[in-house]
Amino acid sequence: MKTARSVAAGAAVTAALVGGGMYLAMAAPDAATFTTQSGSQQKGSHQANGITEQLLTGDKAARVEAAAKAANPGATVVRVETDAEGAAYEAHIRKADGTAATVKLDASFNVTGTEAGKHR
C-alpha cells in the first residue's frame, strides 16, 4: 500500500524529471545555458587542446563582456570563458549583422584579435 509520503516523493521525482526534460529541450542541444552576474546567457564550456575552458563569472566576466562589446558595437555576448588556444580569455559573440565571432583577450582584458565563425 502506498503512503501519502511515497506518492508525494514519486510525484516530486517525476516532476523534476519532466521539468528537467523540458528545460533540456528548450536549451541548446550541446550544453546547458547559464546566466552570468553581468546578465549574459552562456552555454557550457568546451574542451580544446586537452584543456577545458572555464566559464567566467563576476568581475572577470563583466570585464571581458565590456571589452568585447566595445570592440564590436551592437554585438550580443553568447558566453565568456578562459581560452584553451593561447589567449587568456575569449568572448563568443553574435555581431550586429548576425554573424558569429570569437573575441580573444589578454590577461589585462585587452582585445588581441577577433575570429569569425561558428561558436563551438
PDB file of N, CA and C in Angstrom:
ATOM      1  N   MET A   1       0.845  -1.178   0.000  1.00  0.00           N
ATOM      2  CA  MET A   1       0.000   0.000   0.000  1.00  0.00           C
ATOM      3  C   MET A   1       0.891   1.241   0.000  1.00  0.00           C
ATOM      4  N   LYS A   2       0.596   2.163  -0.881  1.00  0.00           N
ATOM      5  CA  LYS A   2       1.386   3.384  -0.981  1.00  0.00           C
ATOM      6  C   LYS A   2       0.949   4.381   0.080  1.00  0.00           C
ATOM      7  N   THR A   3       1.920   4.981   0.709  1.00  0.00           N
ATOM      8  CA  THR A   3       1.599   6.016   1.677  1.00  0.00           C
ATOM      9  C   THR A   3       1.572   7.356   0.972  1.00  0.00           C
ATOM     10  N   ALA A   4       0.972   8.327   1.604  1.00  0.00           N
ATOM     11  CA  ALA A   4       0.921   9.673   1.035  1.00  0.00           C
ATOM     12  C   ALA A   4       2.334  10.207   0.824  1.00  0.00           C
ATOM     13  N   ARG A   5       3.230   9.852   1.727  1.00  0.00           N
ATOM     14  CA  ARG A   5       4.620  10.323   1.630  1.00  0.00           C
ATOM     15  C   ARG A   5       5.314   9.751   0.394  1.00  0.00           C
ATOM     16  N   SER A   6       5.153   8.444   0.131  1.00  0.00           N
ATOM     17  CA  SER A   6       5.806   7.840  -1.037  1.00  0.00           C
ATOM     18  C   SER A   6       5.185   8.336  -2.332  1.00  0.00           C
ATOM     19  N   VAL A   7       3.889   8.593  -2.341  1.00  0.00           N
ATOM     20  CA  VAL A   7       3.235   9.143  -3.527  1.00  0.00           C
ATOM     21  C   VAL A   7       3.759  10.545  -3.794  1.00  0.00           C
ATOM     22  N   ALA A   8       3.890  11.351  -2.744  1.00  0.00           N
ATOM     23  CA  ALA A   8       4.405  12.717  -2.896  1.00  0.00           C
ATOM     24  C   ALA A   8       5.846  12.693  -3.381  1.00  0.00           C
ATOM     25  N   ALA A   9       6.655  11.776  -2.844  1.00  0.00           N
ATOM     26  CA  ALA A   9       8.054  11.679  -3.263  1.00  0.00           C
ATOM     27  C   ALA A   9       8.133  11.276  -4.730  1.00  0.00           C
ATOM     28  N   GLY A  10       7.318  10.312  -5.135  1.00  0.00           N
ATOM     29  CA  GLY A  10       7.296   9.889  -6.538  1.00  0.00           C
ATOM     30  C   GLY A  10       6.864  11.010  -7.459  1.00  0.00           C
ATOM     31  N   ALA A  11       5.877  11.783  -7.031  1.00  0.00           N
ATOM     32  CA  ALA A  11       5.409  12.917  -7.826  1.00  0.00           C
ATOM     33  C   ALA A  11       6.503  13.962  -7.964  1.00  0.00           C
ATOM     34  N   ALA A  12       7.254  14.190  -6.905  1.00  0.00           N
ATOM     35  CA  ALA A  12       8.342  15.169  -6.945  1.00  0.00           C
ATOM     36  C   ALA A  12       9.435  14.731  -7.911  1.00  0.00           C
ATOM     37  N   VAL A  13       9.791  13.452  -7.877  1.00  0.00           N
ATOM     38  CA  VAL A  13      10.807  12.926  -8.796  1.00  0.00           C
ATOM     39  C   VAL A  13      10.320  13.029 -10.231  1.00  0.00           C
ATOM     40  N   THR A  14       9.077  12.643 -10.471  1.00  0.00           N
ATOM     41  CA  THR A  14       8.511  12.723 -11.817  1.00  0.00           C
ATOM     42  C   THR A  14       8.496  14.164 -12.309  1.00  0.00           C
ATOM     43  N   ALA A  15       8.079  15.082 -11.457  1.00  0.00           N
ATOM     44  CA  ALA A  15       8.055  16.496 -11.839  1.00  0.00           C
ATOM     45  C   ALA A  15       9.452  16.999 -12.165  1.00  0.00           C
ATOM     46  N   ALA A  16      10.433  16.586 -11.373  1.00  0.00           N
ATOM     47  CA  ALA A  16      11.811  17.007 -11.622  1.00  0.00           C
ATOM     48  C   ALA A  16      12.311  16.463 -12.950  1.00  0.00           C
ATOM     49  N   LEU A  17      12.017  15.199 -13.236  1.00  0.00           N
ATOM     50  CA  LEU A  17      12.455  14.599 -14.493  1.00  0.00           C
ATOM     51  C   LEU A  17      11.773  15.243 -15.678  1.00  0.00           C
ATOM     52  N   VAL A  18      10.468  15.441 -15.583  1.00  0.00           N
ATOM     53  CA  VAL A  18       9.726  16.070 -16.675  1.00  0.00           C
ATOM     54  C   VAL A  18      10.179  17.505 -16.842  1.00  0.00           C
ATOM     55  N   GLY A  19      10.299  18.230 -15.736  1.00  0.00           N
ATOM     56  CA  GLY A  19      10.757  19.615 -15.795  1.00  0.00           C
ATOM     57  C   GLY A  19      12.153  19.709 -16.372  1.00  0.00           C
ATOM     58  N   GLY A  20      13.033  18.808 -15.956  1.00  0.00           N
ATOM     59  CA  GLY A  20      14.395  18.799 -16.480  1.00  0.00           C
ATOM     60  C   GLY A  20      14.411  18.494 -17.959  1.00  0.00           C
ATOM     61  N   GLY A  21      13.567  17.573 -18.384  1.00  0.00           N
ATOM     62  CA  GLY A  21      13.482  17.252 -19.802  1.00  0.00           C
ATOM     63  C   GLY A  21      12.981  18.430 -20.606  1.00  0.00           C
ATOM     64  N   MET A  22      12.035  19.163 -20.059  1.00  0.00           N
ATOM     65  CA  MET A  22      11.528  20.341 -20.748  1.00  0.00           C
ATOM     66  C   MET A  22      12.626  21.394 -20.849  1.00  0.00           C
ATOM     67  N   TYR A  23      13.384  21.555 -19.801  1.00  0.00           N
ATOM     68  CA  TYR A  23      14.484  22.522 -19.819  1.00  0.00           C
ATOM     69  C   TYR A  23      15.502  22.142 -20.878  1.00  0.00           C
ATOM     70  N   LEU A  24      15.893  20.867 -20.918  1.00  0.00           N
ATOM     71  CA  LEU A  24      16.892  20.428 -21.881  1.00  0.00           C
ATOM     72  C   LEU A  24      16.383  20.576 -23.304  1.00  0.00           C
ATOM     73  N   ALA A  25      15.106  20.359 -23.512  1.00  0.00           N
ATOM     74  CA  ALA A  25      14.561  20.506 -24.851  1.00  0.00           C
ATOM     75  C   ALA A  25      14.600  21.955 -25.299  1.00  0.00           C
ATOM     76  N   MET A  26      14.470  22.887 -24.362  1.00  0.00           N
ATOM     77  CA  MET A  26      14.478  24.297 -24.710  1.00  0.00           C
ATOM     78  C   MET A  26      15.888  24.844 -24.791  1.00  0.00           C
ATOM     79  N   ALA A  27      16.837  24.222 -24.137  1.00  0.00           N
ATOM     80  CA  ALA A  27      18.218  24.701 -24.122  1.00  0.00           C
ATOM     81  C   ALA A  27      18.942  24.252 -25.381  1.00  0.00           C
ATOM     82  N   ALA A  28      20.137  24.756 -25.548  1.00  0.00           N
ATOM     83  CA  ALA A  28      20.959  24.339 -26.680  1.00  0.00           C
ATOM     84  C   ALA A  28      21.181  22.840 -26.602  1.00  0.00           C
ATOM     85  N   PRO A  29      21.202  22.142 -27.725  1.00  0.00           N
ATOM     86  CA  PRO A  29      21.315  20.693 -27.691  1.00  0.00           C
ATOM     87  C   PRO A  29      22.649  20.194 -27.173  1.00  0.00           C
ATOM     88  N   ASP A  30      23.705  21.014 -27.237  1.00  0.00           N
ATOM     89  CA  ASP A  30      25.025  20.533 -26.858  1.00  0.00           C
ATOM     90  C   ASP A  30      25.470  20.945 -25.461  1.00  0.00           C
ATOM     91  N   ALA A  31      24.711  21.801 -24.784  1.00  0.00           N
ATOM     92  CA  ALA A  31      25.161  22.258 -23.471  1.00  0.00           C
ATOM     93  C   ALA A  31      24.043  22.957 -22.729  1.00  0.00           C
ATOM     94  N   ALA A  32      24.218  23.063 -21.431  1.00  0.00           N
ATOM     95  CA  ALA A  32      23.275  23.801 -20.601  1.00  0.00           C
ATOM     96  C   ALA A  32      23.490  25.293 -20.816  1.00  0.00           C
ATOM     97  N   THR A  33      22.525  26.105 -20.417  1.00  0.00           N
ATOM     98  CA  THR A  33      22.636  27.547 -20.547  1.00  0.00           C
ATOM     99  C   THR A  33      22.731  28.151 -19.158  1.00  0.00           C
ATOM    100  N   PHE A  34      23.635  29.120 -19.000  1.00  0.00           N
ATOM    101  CA  PHE A  34      23.857  29.783 -17.733  1.00  0.00           C
ATOM    102  C   PHE A  34      23.650  31.275 -17.899  1.00  0.00           C
ATOM    103  N   THR A  35      23.391  31.986 -16.811  1.00  0.00           N
ATOM    104  CA  THR A  35      23.346  33.439 -16.833  1.00  0.00           C
ATOM    105  C   THR A  35      24.413  33.943 -15.887  1.00  0.00           C
ATOM    106  N   THR A  36      25.281  34.827 -16.376  1.00  0.00           N
ATOM    107  CA  THR A  36      26.346  35.362 -15.542  1.00  0.00           C
ATOM    108  C   THR A  36      25.816  36.492 -14.687  1.00  0.00           C
ATOM    109  N   GLN A  37      26.620  36.947 -13.731  1.00  0.00           N
ATOM    110  CA  GLN A  37      26.233  38.076 -12.899  1.00  0.00           C
ATOM    111  C   GLN A  37      26.030  39.326 -13.737  1.00  0.00           C
ATOM    112  N   SER A  38      26.732  39.428 -14.856  1.00  0.00           N
ATOM    113  CA  SER A  38      26.579  40.594 -15.720  1.00  0.00           C
ATOM    114  C   SER A  38      25.341  40.483 -16.605  1.00  0.00           C
ATOM    115  N   GLY A  39      24.645  39.339 -16.525  1.00  0.00           N
ATOM    116  CA  GLY A  39      23.377  39.198 -17.219  1.00  0.00           C
ATOM    117  C   GLY A  39      23.425  38.480 -18.546  1.00  0.00           C
ATOM    118  N   SER A  40      24.591  38.116 -19.037  1.00  0.00           N
ATOM    119  CA  SER A  40      24.649  37.438 -20.325  1.00  0.00           C
ATOM    120  C   SER A  40      24.344  35.956 -20.153  1.00  0.00           C
ATOM    121  N   GLN A  41      23.720  35.370 -21.165  1.00  0.00           N
ATOM    122  CA  GLN A  41      23.442  33.941 -21.163  1.00  0.00           C
ATOM    123  C   GLN A  41      24.627  33.221 -21.763  1.00  0.00           C
ATOM    124  N   GLN A  42      25.018  32.117 -21.159  1.00  0.00           N
ATOM    125  CA  GLN A  42      26.184  31.382 -21.625  1.00  0.00           C
ATOM    126  C   GLN A  42      25.905  29.900 -21.698  1.00  0.00           C
ATOM    127  N   LYS A  43      26.409  29.266 -22.753  1.00  0.00           N
ATOM    128  CA  LYS A  43      26.365  27.811 -22.837  1.00  0.00           C
ATOM    129  C   LYS A  43      27.592  27.262 -22.128  1.00  0.00           C
ATOM    130  N   GLY A  44      27.545  26.004 -21.763  1.00  0.00           N
ATOM    131  CA  GLY A  44      28.663  25.374 -21.072  1.00  0.00           C
ATOM    132  C   GLY A  44      29.945  25.381 -21.894  1.00  0.00           C
ATOM    133  N   SER A  45      31.045  25.330 -21.214  1.00  0.00           N
ATOM    134  CA  SER A  45      32.358  25.382 -21.844  1.00  0.00           C
ATOM    135  C   SER A  45      32.657  24.102 -22.616  1.00  0.00           C
ATOM    136  N   HIS A  46      33.679  24.171 -23.442  1.00  0.00           N
ATOM    137  CA  HIS A  46      34.099  23.018 -24.227  1.00  0.00           C
ATOM    138  C   HIS A  46      35.584  22.773 -23.985  1.00  0.00           C
ATOM    139  N   GLN A  47      36.088  21.757 -24.638  1.00  0.00           N
ATOM    140  CA  GLN A  47      37.490  21.392 -24.472  1.00  0.00           C
ATOM    141  C   GLN A  47      38.220  21.579 -25.799  1.00  0.00           C
ATOM    142  N   ALA A  48      39.446  22.100 -25.711  1.00  0.00           N
ATOM    143  CA  ALA A  48      40.303  22.256 -26.888  1.00  0.00           C
ATOM    144  C   ALA A  48      41.741  22.066 -26.440  1.00  0.00           C
ATOM    145  N   ASN A  49      42.543  21.429 -27.278  1.00  0.00           N
ATOM    146  CA  ASN A  49      43.958  21.201 -26.958  1.00  0.00           C
ATOM    147  C   ASN A  49      44.151  20.512 -25.612  1.00  0.00           C
ATOM    148  N   GLY A  50      43.203  19.675 -25.226  1.00  0.00           N
ATOM    149  CA  GLY A  50      43.295  18.962 -23.959  1.00  0.00           C
ATOM    150  C   GLY A  50      42.999  19.814 -22.739  1.00  0.00           C
ATOM    151  N   ILE A  51      42.542  21.035 -22.948  1.00  0.00           N
ATOM    152  CA  ILE A  51      42.236  21.964 -21.853  1.00  0.00           C
ATOM    153  C   ILE A  51      40.736  22.246 -21.869  1.00  0.00           C
ATOM    154  N   THR A  52      40.105  22.166 -20.714  1.00  0.00           N
ATOM    155  CA  THR A  52      38.693  22.514 -20.613  1.00  0.00           C
ATOM    156  C   THR A  52      38.577  23.994 -20.286  1.00  0.00           C
ATOM    157  N   GLU A  53      37.932  24.729 -21.169  1.00  0.00           N
ATOM    158  CA  GLU A  53      37.725  26.145 -20.932  1.00  0.00           C
ATOM    159  C   GLU A  53      36.689  26.317 -19.829  1.00  0.00           C
ATOM    160  N   GLN A  54      36.898  27.314 -19.000  1.00  0.00           N
ATOM    161  CA  GLN A  54      36.021  27.555 -17.853  1.00  0.00           C
ATOM    162  C   GLN A  54      35.199  28.815 -18.076  1.00  0.00           C
ATOM    163  N   LEU A  55      33.894  28.721 -17.813  1.00  0.00           N
ATOM    164  CA  LEU A  55      33.035  29.897 -17.902  1.00  0.00           C
ATOM    165  C   LEU A  55      33.490  30.932 -16.886  1.00  0.00           C
ATOM    166  N   LEU A  56      33.435  32.190 -17.278  1.00  0.00           N
ATOM    167  CA  LEU A  56      33.791  33.277 -16.371  1.00  0.00           C
ATOM    168  C   LEU A  56      32.548  33.800 -15.672  1.00  0.00           C
ATOM    169  N   THR A  57      32.728  34.272 -14.453  1.00  0.00           N
ATOM    170  CA  THR A  57      31.645  34.874 -13.692  1.00  0.00           C
ATOM    171  C   THR A  57      32.162  36.145 -13.033  1.00  0.00           C
ATOM    172  N   GLY A  58      31.265  36.889 -12.445  1.00  0.00           N
ATOM    173  CA  GLY A  58      31.637  38.059 -11.656  1.00  0.00           C
ATOM    174  C   GLY A  58      32.362  39.131 -12.447  1.00  0.00           C
ATOM    175  N   ASP A  59      33.378  39.738 -11.798  1.00  0.00           N
ATOM    176  CA  ASP A  59      34.109  40.863 -12.372  1.00  0.00           C
ATOM    177  C   ASP A  59      34.831  40.497 -13.664  1.00  0.00           C
ATOM    178  N   LYS A  60      35.446  39.316 -13.710  1.00  0.00           N
ATOM    179  CA  LYS A  60      36.145  38.903 -14.934  1.00  0.00           C
ATOM    180  C   LYS A  60      35.165  38.803 -16.099  1.00  0.00           C
ATOM    181  N   ALA A  61      34.023  38.201 -15.871  1.00  0.00           N
ATOM    182  CA  ALA A  61      33.014  38.074 -16.927  1.00  0.00           C
ATOM    183  C   ALA A  61      32.557  39.448 -17.404  1.00  0.00           C
ATOM    184  N   ALA A  62      32.308  40.341 -16.463  1.00  0.00           N
ATOM    185  CA  ALA A  62      31.846  41.687 -16.822  1.00  0.00           C
ATOM    186  C   ALA A  62      32.902  42.441 -17.622  1.00  0.00           C
ATOM    187  N   ARG A  63      34.175  42.294 -17.246  1.00  0.00           N
ATOM    188  CA  ARG A  63      35.246  42.999 -17.952  1.00  0.00           C
ATOM    189  C   ARG A  63      35.460  42.441 -19.362  1.00  0.00           C
ATOM    190  N   VAL A  64      35.409  41.122 -19.514  1.00  0.00           N
ATOM    191  CA  VAL A  64      35.560  40.514 -20.838  1.00  0.00           C
ATOM    192  C   VAL A  64      34.377  40.914 -21.717  1.00  0.00           C
ATOM    193  N   GLU A  65      33.186  40.854 -21.167  1.00  0.00           N
ATOM    194  CA  GLU A  65      31.984  41.223 -21.910  1.00  0.00           C
ATOM    195  C   GLU A  65      32.048  42.686 -22.354  1.00  0.00           C
ATOM    196  N   ALA A  66      32.448  43.577 -21.466  1.00  0.00           N
ATOM    197  CA  ALA A  66      32.530  45.005 -21.793  1.00  0.00           C
ATOM    198  C   ALA A  66      33.556  45.255 -22.903  1.00  0.00           C
ATOM    199  N   ALA A  67      34.708  44.611 -22.814  1.00  0.00           N
ATOM    200  CA  ALA A  67      35.750  44.791 -23.830  1.00  0.00           C
ATOM    201  C   ALA A  67      35.282  44.265 -25.188  1.00  0.00           C
ATOM    202  N   ALA A  68      34.622  43.118 -25.196  1.00  0.00           N
ATOM    203  CA  ALA A  68      34.139  42.534 -26.452  1.00  0.00           C
ATOM    204  C   ALA A  68      33.081  43.429 -27.088  1.00  0.00           C
ATOM    205  N   LYS A  69      32.185  43.981 -26.281  1.00  0.00           N
ATOM    206  CA  LYS A  69      31.142  44.865 -26.805  1.00  0.00           C
ATOM    207  C   LYS A  69      31.734  46.189 -27.292  1.00  0.00           C
ATOM    208  N   ALA A  70      32.747  46.702 -26.595  1.00  0.00           N
ATOM    209  CA  ALA A  70      33.390  47.945 -27.024  1.00  0.00           C
ATOM    210  C   ALA A  70      34.068  47.765 -28.381  1.00  0.00           C
ATOM    211  N   ALA A  71      34.652  46.605 -28.606  1.00  0.00           N
ATOM    212  CA  ALA A  71      35.329  46.321 -29.869  1.00  0.00           C
ATOM    213  C   ALA A  71      34.349  45.958 -30.983  1.00  0.00           C
ATOM    214  N   ASN A  72      33.114  45.612 -30.608  1.00  0.00           N
ATOM    215  CA  ASN A  72      32.099  45.176 -31.580  1.00  0.00           C
ATOM    216  C   ASN A  72      30.755  45.809 -31.223  1.00  0.00           C
ATOM    217  N   PRO A  73      30.571  47.104 -31.514  1.00  0.00           N
ATOM    218  CA  PRO A  73      29.318  47.789 -31.151  1.00  0.00           C
ATOM    219  C   PRO A  73      28.098  47.057 -31.702  1.00  0.00           C
ATOM    220  N   GLY A  74      27.084  46.908 -30.860  1.00  0.00           N
ATOM    221  CA  GLY A  74      25.847  46.246 -31.257  1.00  0.00           C
ATOM    222  C   GLY A  74      25.880  44.738 -31.135  1.00  0.00           C
ATOM    223  N   ALA A  75      27.019  44.176 -30.709  1.00  0.00           N
ATOM    224  CA  ALA A  75      27.135  42.719 -30.583  1.00  0.00           C
ATOM    225  C   ALA A  75      26.410  42.224 -29.336  1.00  0.00           C
ATOM    226  N   THR A  76      26.028  40.963 -29.376  1.00  0.00           N
ATOM    227  CA  THR A  76      25.449  40.270 -28.234  1.00  0.00           C
ATOM    228  C   THR A  76      26.451  39.223 -27.786  1.00  0.00           C
ATOM    229  N   VAL A  77      26.743  39.192 -26.495  1.00  0.00           N
ATOM    230  CA  VAL A  77      27.685  38.212 -25.965  1.00  0.00           C
ATOM    231  C   VAL A  77      26.943  36.913 -25.685  1.00  0.00           C
ATOM    232  N   VAL A  78      27.439  35.826 -26.259  1.00  0.00           N
ATOM    233  CA  VAL A  78      26.850  34.499 -26.067  1.00  0.00           C
ATOM    234  C   VAL A  78      27.412  33.865 -24.802  1.00  0.00           C
ATOM    235  N   ARG A  79      28.752  33.908 -24.663  1.00  0.00           N
ATOM    236  CA  ARG A  79      29.393  33.409 -23.443  1.00  0.00           C
ATOM    237  C   ARG A  79      30.798  33.965 -23.355  1.00  0.00           C
ATOM    238  N   VAL A  80      31.325  33.996 -22.137  1.00  0.00           N
ATOM    239  CA  VAL A  80      32.705  34.424 -21.895  1.00  0.00           C
ATOM    240  C   VAL A  80      33.383  33.346 -21.070  1.00  0.00           C
ATOM    241  N   GLU A  81      34.659  33.062 -21.422  1.00  0.00           N
ATOM    242  CA  GLU A  81      35.343  31.951 -20.772  1.00  0.00           C
ATOM    243  C   GLU A  81      36.850  32.104 -20.910  1.00  0.00           C
ATOM    244  N   THR A  82      37.572  31.237 -20.201  1.00  0.00           N
ATOM    245  CA  THR A  82      39.013  31.156 -20.406  1.00  0.00           C
ATOM    246  C   THR A  82      39.230  30.578 -21.799  1.00  0.00           C
ATOM    247  N   ASP A  83      40.442  30.733 -22.325  1.00  0.00           N
ATOM    248  CA  ASP A  83      40.722  30.257 -23.680  1.00  0.00           C
ATOM    249  C   ASP A  83      41.751  29.138 -23.645  1.00  0.00           C
ATOM    250  N   ALA A  84      41.517  28.103 -24.425  1.00  0.00           N
ATOM    251  CA  ALA A  84      42.438  26.964 -24.485  1.00  0.00           C
ATOM    252  C   ALA A  84      43.365  27.047 -25.689  1.00  0.00           C
ATOM    253  N   GLU A  85      43.307  28.154 -26.404  1.00  0.00           N
ATOM    254  CA  GLU A  85      44.067  28.248 -27.649  1.00  0.00           C
ATOM    255  C   GLU A  85      45.025  29.436 -27.662  1.00  0.00           C
ATOM    256  N   GLY A  86      45.538  29.861 -26.503  1.00  0.00           N
ATOM    257  CA  GLY A  86      46.574  30.876 -26.472  1.00  0.00           C
ATOM    258  C   GLY A  86      46.235  32.199 -25.815  1.00  0.00           C
ATOM    259  N   ALA A  87      45.005  32.638 -25.885  1.00  0.00           N
ATOM    260  CA  ALA A  87      44.619  33.893 -25.222  1.00  0.00           C
ATOM    261  C   ALA A  87      44.254  33.582 -23.764  1.00  0.00           C
ATOM    262  N   ALA A  88      44.169  34.619 -22.956  1.00  0.00           N
ATOM    263  CA  ALA A  88      43.752  34.412 -21.563  1.00  0.00           C
ATOM    264  C   ALA A  88      42.238  34.172 -21.490  1.00  0.00           C
ATOM    265  N   TYR A  89      41.490  34.976 -22.254  1.00  0.00           N
ATOM    266  CA  TYR A  89      40.027  34.912 -22.221  1.00  0.00           C
ATOM    267  C   TYR A  89      39.487  34.986 -23.642  1.00  0.00           C
ATOM    268  N   GLU A  90      38.227  34.569 -23.783  1.00  0.00           N
ATOM    269  CA  GLU A  90      37.540  34.746 -25.052  1.00  0.00           C
ATOM    270  C   GLU A  90      36.071  35.022 -24.807  1.00  0.00           C
ATOM    271  N   ALA A  91      35.495  35.789 -25.723  1.00  0.00           N
ATOM    272  CA  ALA A  91      34.066  36.083 -25.682  1.00  0.00           C
ATOM    273  C   ALA A  91      33.468  35.625 -26.999  1.00  0.00           C
ATOM    274  N   HIS A  92      32.518  34.724 -26.927  1.00  0.00           N
ATOM    275  CA  HIS A  92      31.792  34.283 -28.116  1.00  0.00           C
ATOM    276  C   HIS A  92      30.646  35.272 -28.290  1.00  0.00           C
ATOM    277  N   ILE A  93      30.578  35.880 -29.477  1.00  0.00           N
ATOM    278  CA  ILE A  93      29.589  36.936 -29.705  1.00  0.00           C
ATOM    279  C   ILE A  93      28.784  36.674 -30.965  1.00  0.00           C
ATOM    280  N   ARG A  94      27.673  37.365 -31.055  1.00  0.00           N
ATOM    281  CA  ARG A  94      26.898  37.458 -32.277  1.00  0.00           C
ATOM    282  C   ARG A  94      26.951  38.932 -32.640  1.00  0.00           C
ATOM    283  N   LYS A  95      27.601  39.248 -33.772  1.00  0.00           N
ATOM    284  CA  LYS A  95      27.762  40.632 -34.203  1.00  0.00           C
ATOM    285  C   LYS A  95      26.416  41.246 -34.586  1.00  0.00           C
ATOM    286  N   ALA A  96      26.396  42.560 -34.714  1.00  0.00           N
ATOM    287  CA  ALA A  96      25.172  43.276 -35.070  1.00  0.00           C
ATOM    288  C   ALA A  96      24.593  42.785 -36.397  1.00  0.00           C
ATOM    289  N   ASP A  97      25.450  42.311 -37.314  1.00  0.00           N
ATOM    290  CA  ASP A  97      24.972  41.805 -38.608  1.00  0.00           C
ATOM    291  C   ASP A  97      24.509  40.346 -38.536  1.00  0.00           C
ATOM    292  N   GLY A  98      24.572  39.749 -37.344  1.00  0.00           N
ATOM    293  CA  GLY A  98      24.098  38.376 -37.144  1.00  0.00           C
ATOM    294  C   GLY A  98      25.161  37.304 -37.266  1.00  0.00           C
ATOM    295  N   THR A  99      26.381  37.668 -37.667  1.00  0.00           N
ATOM    296  CA  THR A  99      27.433  36.668 -37.799  1.00  0.00           C
ATOM    297  C   THR A  99      28.063  36.355 -36.452  1.00  0.00           C
ATOM    298  N   ALA A 100      28.566  35.134 -36.321  1.00  0.00           N
ATOM    299  CA  ALA A 100      29.217  34.698 -35.082  1.00  0.00           C
ATOM    300  C   ALA A 100      30.699  35.036 -35.146  1.00  0.00           C
ATOM    301  N   ALA A 101      31.277  35.308 -33.982  1.00  0.00           N
ATOM    302  CA  ALA A 101      32.711  35.576 -33.888  1.00  0.00           C
ATOM    303  C   ALA A 101      33.181  35.267 -32.473  1.00  0.00           C
ATOM    304  N   THR A 102      34.489  35.112 -32.338  1.00  0.00           N
ATOM    305  CA  THR A 102      35.105  34.916 -31.024  1.00  0.00           C
ATOM    306  C   THR A 102      36.144  36.006 -30.842  1.00  0.00           C
ATOM    307  N   VAL A 103      35.984  36.778 -29.770  1.00  0.00           N
ATOM    308  CA  VAL A 103      36.910  37.857 -29.449  1.00  0.00           C
ATOM    309  C   VAL A 103      37.931  37.317 -28.451  1.00  0.00           C
ATOM    310  N   LYS A 104      39.206  37.452 -28.763  1.00  0.00           N
ATOM    311  CA  LYS A 104      40.291  36.981 -27.897  1.00  0.00           C
ATOM    312  C   LYS A 104      40.827  38.155 -27.091  1.00  0.00           C
ATOM    313  N   LEU A 105      41.139  37.897 -25.795  1.00  0.00           N
ATOM    314  CA  LEU A 105      41.640  38.943 -24.906  1.00  0.00           C
ATOM    315  C   LEU A 105      42.847  38.441 -24.125  1.00  0.00           C
ATOM    316  N   ASP A 106      43.734  39.386 -23.766  1.00  0.00           N
ATOM    317  CA  ASP A 106      44.878  39.028 -22.934  1.00  0.00           C
ATOM    318  C   ASP A 106      44.486  39.111 -21.459  1.00  0.00           C
ATOM    319  N   ALA A 107      45.432  38.842 -20.573  1.00  0.00           N
ATOM    320  CA  ALA A 107      45.159  38.811 -19.134  1.00  0.00           C
ATOM    321  C   ALA A 107      44.790  40.181 -18.562  1.00  0.00           C
ATOM    322  N   SER A 108      45.078  41.247 -19.320  1.00  0.00           N
ATOM    323  CA  SER A 108      44.718  42.612 -18.893  1.00  0.00           C
ATOM    324  C   SER A 108      43.410  43.068 -19.527  1.00  0.00           C
ATOM    325  N   PHE A 109      42.680  42.139 -20.140  1.00  0.00           N
ATOM    326  CA  PHE A 109      41.372  42.396 -20.751  1.00  0.00           C
ATOM    327  C   PHE A 109      41.456  43.278 -21.991  1.00  0.00           C
ATOM    328  N   ASN A 110      42.601  43.253 -22.676  1.00  0.00           N
ATOM    329  CA  ASN A 110      42.754  43.957 -23.945  1.00  0.00           C
ATOM    330  C   ASN A 110      42.415  42.999 -25.071  1.00  0.00           C
ATOM    331  N   VAL A 111      41.625  43.460 -26.041  1.00  0.00           N
ATOM    332  CA  VAL A 111      41.287  42.639 -27.195  1.00  0.00           C
ATOM    333  C   VAL A 111      42.539  42.457 -28.040  1.00  0.00           C
ATOM    334  N   THR A 112      42.867  41.205 -28.339  1.00  0.00           N
ATOM    335  CA  THR A 112      44.057  40.901 -29.140  1.00  0.00           C
ATOM    336  C   THR A 112      43.695  40.407 -30.537  1.00  0.00           C
ATOM    337  N   GLY A 113      42.433  40.083 -30.760  1.00  0.00           N
ATOM    338  CA  GLY A 113      42.008  39.631 -32.075  1.00  0.00           C
ATOM    339  C   GLY A 113      40.569  39.157 -32.057  1.00  0.00           C
ATOM    340  N   THR A 114      40.018  39.011 -33.255  1.00  0.00           N
ATOM    341  CA  THR A 114      38.656  38.512 -33.407  1.00  0.00           C
ATOM    342  C   THR A 114      38.648  37.474 -34.521  1.00  0.00           C
ATOM    343  N   GLU A 115      38.080  36.313 -34.231  1.00  0.00           N
ATOM    344  CA  GLU A 115      37.984  35.236 -35.203  1.00  0.00           C
ATOM    345  C   GLU A 115      36.537  35.108 -35.658  1.00  0.00           C
ATOM    346  N   ALA A 116      36.313  35.120 -36.951  1.00  0.00           N
ATOM    347  CA  ALA A 116      34.971  34.933 -37.487  1.00  0.00           C
ATOM    348  C   ALA A 116      34.641  33.450 -37.456  1.00  0.00           C
ATOM    349  N   GLY A 117      33.368  33.152 -37.354  1.00  0.00           N
ATOM    350  CA  GLY A 117      32.957  31.757 -37.455  1.00  0.00           C
ATOM    351  C   GLY A 117      32.010  31.300 -36.397  1.00  0.00           C
ATOM    352  N   LYS A 118      31.558  30.073 -36.595  1.00  0.00           N
ATOM    353  CA  LYS A 118      30.573  29.441 -35.738  1.00  0.00           C
ATOM    354  C   LYS A 118      31.106  29.193 -34.335  1.00  0.00           C
ATOM    355  N   HIS A 119      30.223  29.320 -33.344  1.00  0.00           N
ATOM    356  CA  HIS A 119      30.590  29.035 -31.948  1.00  0.00           C
ATOM    357  C   HIS A 119      30.672  27.540 -31.738  1.00  0.00           C
ATOM    358  N   ARG A 120      31.607  27.108 -30.891  1.00  0.00           N
ATOM    359  CA  ARG A 120      31.690  25.702 -30.507  1.00  0.00           C
ATOM    360  C   ARG A 120      30.922  25.503 -29.240  1.00  0.00           C
TER     361      ARG A 120
END
